[in-house]
Amino acid sequence: MLTKYKHDYAKIAMGFLSFVPDLKDIDHLQTELKLYTEDPTHNLYLYREGRDEDFEGVVGVETGADFVMLRHLSLSPAARDDATKFAALSDLQAQFPDKKLMGSLETAGLVAKFNQMRKEGTNGTYTGA
């Protein structure tokens, strides 16, 4: 389940974003978080399996008229399996049902794998391990 970022979640979001290699530098990390909070075409969501669960990661996207581009998907080390990644992407696709899900250079492989899995008939629900 995706929860829209709000300032109360700043430390949690920064912690997950710091797992991204390009965001190890605190200044770059803060600049990226500022982009997500100030630019209406960029959105940051915290991801967790269920309402009563702890957050497991963040999903950062850029939206356009007919697309949503996955910029960041950063999960805690314990949740970095395909099932969790695909569950987060399924929730993202559900959030933007009329938009094409695309990947950035860094996330294109994951998005392609997710789209292939969906095309094979599992309706966006990952059932493998």
Protein backbone atom coordinates (compact mmCIF):
# COMPACT_ATOMS: atom_id res chain seq x y z
CA MET A 1 0.00 0.00 0.00
CA LEU A 2 1.32 3.42 -0.96
CA THR A 3 1.11 6.39 1.39
CA LYS A 4 1.70 9.86 -0.01
CA TYR A 5 4.77 11.49 1.48
CA LYS A 6 4.26 14.22 4.04
CA HIS A 7 6.78 16.12 6.14
CA ASP A 8 6.14 13.89 9.19
CA TYR A 9 7.80 11.06 7.23
CA ALA A 10 10.95 13.02 6.28
CA LYS A 11 13.43 10.95 8.31
CA ILE A 12 11.90 7.67 7.19
CA ALA A 13 11.94 8.74 3.55
CA MET A 14 15.52 10.02 3.78
CA GLY A 15 16.58 6.73 5.32
CA PHE A 16 15.13 4.71 2.44
CA LEU A 17 16.39 7.13 -0.21
CA SER A 18 19.90 6.94 1.26
CA PHE A 19 20.05 3.33 0.00
CA VAL A 20 20.11 4.73 -3.57
CA PRO A 21 23.79 4.95 -4.63
CA ASP A 22 23.37 8.41 -6.22
CA LEU A 23 21.78 9.74 -3.03
CA LYS A 24 24.47 8.78 -0.51
CA ASP A 25 25.57 12.43 -0.29
CA ILE A 26 23.30 14.27 2.18
CA ASP A 27 23.14 17.44 0.05
CA HIS A 28 22.04 15.48 -3.02
CA LEU A 29 19.54 13.55 -0.91
CA GLN A 30 18.02 16.74 0.48
CA THR A 31 17.85 18.27 -3.01
CA GLU A 32 16.00 15.19 -4.28
CA LEU A 33 13.57 15.25 -1.35
CA LYS A 34 12.95 18.96 -2.00
CA LEU A 35 12.14 18.14 -5.65
CA TYR A 36 9.55 15.60 -4.50
CA THR A 37 7.96 18.08 -2.10
CA GLU A 38 7.97 21.21 -4.27
CA ASP A 39 7.48 20.02 -7.87
CA PRO A 40 3.89 18.90 -8.54
CA THR A 41 5.04 16.51 -11.30
CA HIS A 42 7.20 14.57 -8.82
CA ASN A 43 5.61 12.44 -6.11
CA LEU A 44 7.07 10.37 -3.32
CA TYR A 45 5.22 7.54 -1.63
CA LEU A 46 6.12 5.35 1.29
CA TYR A 47 5.37 1.68 0.77
CA ARG A 48 4.17 -0.94 3.23
CA GLU A 49 2.32 -4.22 2.83
CA GLY A 50 -0.63 -3.32 5.04
CA ARG A 51 -2.01 -0.45 7.07
CA ASP A 52 -0.67 -1.82 10.37
CA GLU A 53 2.75 -2.78 8.99
CA ASP A 54 6.00 -0.81 9.15
CA PHE A 55 7.12 1.06 6.05
CA GLU A 56 9.37 -1.06 3.84
CA GLY A 57 10.52 1.50 1.31
CA VAL A 58 9.82 4.50 -0.89
CA VAL A 59 8.61 4.91 -4.44
CA GLY A 60 9.52 8.12 -6.27
CA VAL A 61 7.78 8.97 -9.53
CA GLU A 62 7.53 11.67 -12.14
CA THR A 63 4.12 12.08 -13.75
CA GLY A 64 3.17 13.38 -17.15
CA ALA A 65 -0.07 13.67 -19.08
CA ASP A 66 -0.11 9.99 -20.08
CA PHE A 67 2.75 8.37 -18.18
CA VAL A 68 4.19 7.79 -14.76
CA MET A 69 7.94 7.22 -14.64
CA LEU A 70 9.47 5.27 -11.79
CA ARG A 71 12.49 7.30 -10.66
CA HIS A 72 13.25 5.52 -7.40
CA LEU A 73 12.19 2.30 -5.74
CA SER A 74 14.22 1.91 -2.58
CA LEU A 75 13.37 -0.86 -0.15
CA SER A 76 14.80 -1.92 3.19
CA PRO A 77 17.38 -4.70 2.85
CA ALA A 78 14.93 -7.24 4.31
CA ALA A 79 12.30 -6.42 1.65
CA ARG A 80 14.39 -6.38 -1.54
CA ASP A 81 12.78 -9.39 -3.18
CA ASP A 82 10.85 -9.41 -6.45
CA ALA A 83 7.56 -10.08 -4.68
CA THR A 84 7.83 -6.84 -2.68
CA LYS A 85 9.09 -4.83 -5.66
CA PHE A 86 6.22 -6.10 -7.82
CA ALA A 87 3.67 -5.47 -5.06
CA ALA A 88 4.86 -1.85 -4.81
CA LEU A 89 4.69 -1.48 -8.60
CA SER A 90 1.20 -3.03 -8.66
CA ASP A 91 0.07 -0.46 -6.10
CA LEU A 92 1.69 2.28 -8.18
CA GLN A 93 -0.07 1.10 -11.34
CA ALA A 94 -3.36 1.04 -9.40
CA GLN A 95 -2.70 4.62 -8.26
CA PHE A 96 -2.35 5.70 -11.91
CA PRO A 97 -4.59 3.28 -13.86
CA ASP A 98 -4.83 5.42 -17.01
CA LYS A 99 -1.10 6.12 -17.30
CA LYS A 100 1.67 4.05 -18.84
CA LEU A 101 4.26 2.90 -16.30
CA MET A 102 7.78 3.64 -17.50
CA GLY A 103 11.22 3.39 -15.98
CA SER A 104 14.16 5.76 -15.82
CA LEU A 105 17.58 4.53 -16.97
CA GLU A 106 18.08 3.07 -13.49
CA THR A 107 14.64 1.46 -13.17
CA ALA A 108 13.82 0.47 -16.77
CA GLY A 109 14.88 -3.16 -16.27
CA LEU A 110 12.66 -3.61 -13.23
CA VAL A 111 9.67 -1.96 -14.94
CA ALA A 112 10.17 -4.13 -18.05
CA LYS A 113 10.28 -7.25 -15.87
CA PHE A 114 7.13 -6.13 -14.05
CA ASN A 115 5.28 -5.35 -17.29
CA GLN A 116 6.31 -8.72 -18.74
CA MET A 117 5.02 -10.48 -15.63
CA ARG A 118 1.70 -8.61 -15.95
CA LYS A 119 1.45 -9.44 -19.65
CA GLU A 120 1.88 -13.13 -18.90
CA GLY A 121 -1.49 -13.11 -17.21
CA THR A 122 -1.01 -12.72 -13.48
CA ASN A 123 -2.91 -9.40 -13.55
CA GLY A 124 -0.15 -7.54 -11.75
CA THR A 125 -0.08 -9.87 -8.79
CA TYR A 126 3.27 -11.50 -8.40
CA THR A 127 2.88 -15.12 -7.30
CA GLY A 128 6.46 -16.41 -7.58
CA ALA A 129 9.32 -16.20 -5.15
